[in-house]
Amino acid sequence: MEMMVKVGPHGTRQGNPWDDKGQSMLTQIFISYDSKRVRSIQTAYLVGGKVQLSDKHGGDGDMFTTVKIDYPSEFLIGISGYTGALWSDYIVRSLTFETNRRKLGPFGKEEGTHFCIQMGAKQPVFGGFHGSSDSKYLFSIGVYVKPMNTLEGTKLHTSSVKVRL
């Protein structure tokens, strides 16, 4: 499997950890939420030319949205949201997804501690989600990011760097 950078998770490590590393060809995001929080996330990816569903991470909410991503011409470039305490649980309160074409969301309530992960808009570098959940709540979420290939023959020019002491 290719090298990836693990970013996050944002939220708490409460619940059971889950990891969808390597699932980069994202075609749909299924979100269950209510007026106070995100309840669950589930995703669909292309694997070997076929659609594969991830496990459902979390529980059911009052509202459900399917976000369609027109892969490969559309791809995820950012995720943001809010985490915070709700009664005795520290959970994901809100999620917003950004593709190279549009913003999707917010889903849930924008209240608590804000987080933002920007992955770049030039080429797809998203490498999957990870986080923690139980049968009721999504406690945390993060992403994997693929490092971009550097241009061959590119050199760092140190002659223009001035150091002042």
Protein backbone atom coordinates (compact mmCIF):
# COMPACT_ATOMS: atom_id res chain seq x y z
CA MET A 1 0.00 0.00 0.00
CA GLU A 2 1.26 3.47 -0.78
CA MET A 3 2.61 5.87 1.84
CA MET A 4 0.02 8.18 3.47
CA VAL A 5 -0.06 10.85 6.15
CA LYS A 6 -2.64 10.33 8.92
CA VAL A 7 -4.34 13.64 9.87
CA GLY A 8 -6.41 13.76 13.06
CA PRO A 9 -8.68 12.44 14.27
CA HIS A 10 -10.62 15.45 15.50
CA GLY A 11 -12.87 14.69 18.43
CA THR A 12 -12.24 12.14 21.15
CA ARG A 13 -10.92 8.59 21.08
CA GLN A 14 -14.00 7.42 22.95
CA GLY A 15 -15.77 4.43 21.38
CA ASN A 16 -14.23 1.95 18.96
CA PRO A 17 -11.52 3.00 16.49
CA TRP A 18 -12.16 2.44 12.78
CA ASP A 19 -9.93 2.89 9.76
CA ASP A 20 -10.73 3.10 6.03
CA LYS A 21 -7.11 3.73 4.94
CA GLY A 22 -6.47 3.24 1.24
CA GLN A 23 -10.06 3.87 0.18
CA SER A 24 -9.26 6.86 -2.00
CA MET A 25 -11.70 6.59 -4.94
CA LEU A 26 -14.61 8.14 -3.04
CA THR A 27 -17.96 8.14 -4.90
CA GLN A 28 -20.55 8.73 -2.13
CA ILE A 29 -20.78 9.83 1.50
CA PHE A 30 -23.82 8.77 3.54
CA ILE A 31 -24.47 10.97 6.57
CA SER A 32 -26.98 10.43 9.35
CA TYR A 33 -27.47 13.42 11.64
CA ASP A 34 -29.93 15.43 13.72
CA SER A 35 -30.20 19.04 14.87
CA LYS A 36 -27.46 18.61 17.49
CA ARG A 37 -24.82 16.26 16.03
CA VAL A 38 -23.59 13.93 13.31
CA ARG A 39 -24.72 10.40 14.16
CA SER A 40 -22.84 8.37 11.53
CA ILE A 41 -20.82 8.33 8.35
CA GLN A 42 -20.57 5.60 5.74
CA THR A 43 -18.82 5.83 2.38
CA ALA A 44 -18.78 4.18 -1.03
CA TYR A 45 -15.52 3.71 -2.94
CA LEU A 46 -14.50 2.24 -6.26
CA VAL A 47 -12.35 -0.84 -5.73
CA GLY A 48 -11.32 -2.80 -8.81
CA GLY A 49 -14.02 -1.06 -10.85
CA LYS A 50 -16.79 -2.04 -8.40
CA VAL A 51 -18.53 -0.01 -5.70
CA GLN A 52 -17.62 -1.10 -2.18
CA LEU A 53 -19.30 0.20 0.99
CA SER A 54 -17.38 0.93 4.17
CA ASP A 55 -18.83 -0.12 7.50
CA LYS A 56 -21.30 2.32 9.04
CA HIS A 57 -19.50 4.32 11.72
CA GLY A 58 -22.05 5.46 14.32
CA GLY A 59 -25.84 5.29 14.68
CA ASP A 60 -29.06 6.59 13.16
CA GLY A 61 -30.25 10.20 13.23
CA ASP A 62 -33.46 12.01 12.30
CA MET A 63 -32.02 13.11 8.93
CA PHE A 64 -30.09 11.24 6.26
CA THR A 65 -28.25 12.67 3.26
CA THR A 66 -26.45 10.98 0.40
CA VAL A 67 -23.65 13.07 -1.09
CA LYS A 68 -22.68 11.96 -4.60
CA ILE A 69 -19.14 12.68 -5.78
CA ASP A 70 -18.51 12.45 -9.51
CA TYR A 71 -15.18 10.61 -9.24
CA PRO A 72 -12.65 10.89 -10.93
CA SER A 73 -13.37 14.43 -12.19
CA GLU A 74 -14.61 15.47 -8.72
CA PHE A 75 -12.65 14.64 -5.58
CA LEU A 76 -12.47 15.57 -1.91
CA ILE A 77 -10.12 18.47 -1.10
CA GLY A 78 -11.23 19.37 2.42
CA ILE A 79 -13.28 18.45 5.46
CA SER A 80 -14.25 20.73 8.31
CA GLY A 81 -16.60 20.64 11.22
CA TYR A 82 -17.15 21.04 14.92
CA THR A 83 -16.59 18.71 17.86
CA GLY A 84 -17.83 19.22 21.38
CA ALA A 85 -19.59 17.99 24.45
CA LEU A 86 -23.26 17.15 24.31
CA TRP A 87 -24.49 16.05 27.70
CA SER A 88 -21.87 13.48 28.83
CA ASP A 89 -20.45 12.64 25.39
CA TYR A 90 -17.77 14.45 23.38
CA ILE A 91 -18.82 13.92 19.76
CA VAL A 92 -18.66 15.21 16.19
CA ARG A 93 -21.28 17.98 16.13
CA SER A 94 -21.04 19.02 12.47
CA LEU A 95 -19.33 18.07 9.19
CA THR A 96 -18.83 19.94 5.92
CA PHE A 97 -17.12 18.38 2.91
CA GLU A 98 -15.40 20.32 0.13
CA THR A 99 -14.63 18.96 -3.33
CA ASN A 100 -12.74 20.62 -6.15
CA ARG A 101 -16.19 21.78 -7.38
CA ARG A 102 -18.39 22.59 -4.35
CA LYS A 103 -19.04 22.60 -0.60
CA LEU A 104 -21.45 20.04 0.87
CA GLY A 105 -23.04 20.70 4.24
CA PRO A 106 -22.96 21.58 7.01
CA PHE A 107 -24.54 18.44 8.42
CA GLY A 108 -25.37 18.68 12.15
CA LYS A 109 -24.90 21.72 14.40
CA GLU A 110 -22.00 24.14 13.97
CA GLU A 111 -21.18 24.49 17.66
CA GLY A 112 -18.12 23.60 19.72
CA THR A 113 -14.48 23.40 18.67
CA HIS A 114 -13.90 24.05 14.96
CA PHE A 115 -11.50 21.94 12.89
CA CYS A 116 -10.46 22.18 9.25
CA ILE A 117 -8.38 19.85 7.06
CA GLN A 118 -7.42 21.18 3.62
CA MET A 119 -5.81 18.67 1.25
CA GLY A 120 -5.14 20.76 -1.87
CA ALA A 121 -7.16 21.34 -5.02
CA LYS A 122 -4.76 20.47 -7.85
CA GLN A 123 -4.93 16.67 -7.74
CA PRO A 124 -6.67 14.00 -5.66
CA VAL A 125 -4.64 13.28 -2.51
CA PHE A 126 -7.43 11.97 -0.25
CA GLY A 127 -6.62 8.46 1.00
CA GLY A 128 -9.55 7.48 3.24
CA PHE A 129 -11.19 8.31 6.57
CA HIS A 130 -10.49 7.11 10.12
CA GLY A 131 -11.95 7.87 13.52
CA SER A 132 -13.92 6.38 16.40
CA SER A 133 -17.60 5.60 16.99
CA ASP A 134 -20.03 3.31 18.75
CA SER A 135 -23.51 2.12 17.81
CA LYS A 136 -24.99 5.59 18.54
CA TYR A 137 -22.42 8.31 17.86
CA LEU A 138 -19.51 9.42 15.71
CA PHE A 139 -16.89 10.48 18.28
CA SER A 140 -14.04 11.52 15.99
CA ILE A 141 -13.00 11.74 12.34
CA GLY A 142 -9.76 12.23 10.43
CA VAL A 143 -8.35 11.61 6.97
CA TYR A 144 -5.40 10.05 5.21
CA VAL A 145 -3.55 12.23 2.70
CA LYS A 146 -1.25 10.93 -0.02
CA PRO A 147 1.97 12.93 -0.39
CA MET A 148 2.18 14.56 -3.81
CA ASN A 149 4.96 13.47 -6.15
CA THR A 150 7.73 16.01 -6.46
CA LEU A 151 8.91 17.15 -9.85
CA GLU A 152 12.06 15.36 -10.97
CA GLY A 153 15.05 17.64 -11.30
CA THR A 154 13.63 20.27 -8.93
CA LYS A 155 16.34 21.72 -6.68
CA LEU A 156 16.16 23.93 -3.65
CA HIS A 157 18.01 27.15 -4.44
CA THR A 158 19.75 28.16 -1.23
CA SER A 159 21.70 31.04 -2.77
CA SER A 160 18.70 33.35 -2.38
CA VAL A 161 18.21 32.53 1.31
CA LYS A 162 19.58 35.18 3.66
CA VAL A 163 20.04 34.49 7.33
CA ARG A 164 20.16 37.38 9.79
CA LEU A 165 21.75 36.92 13.19
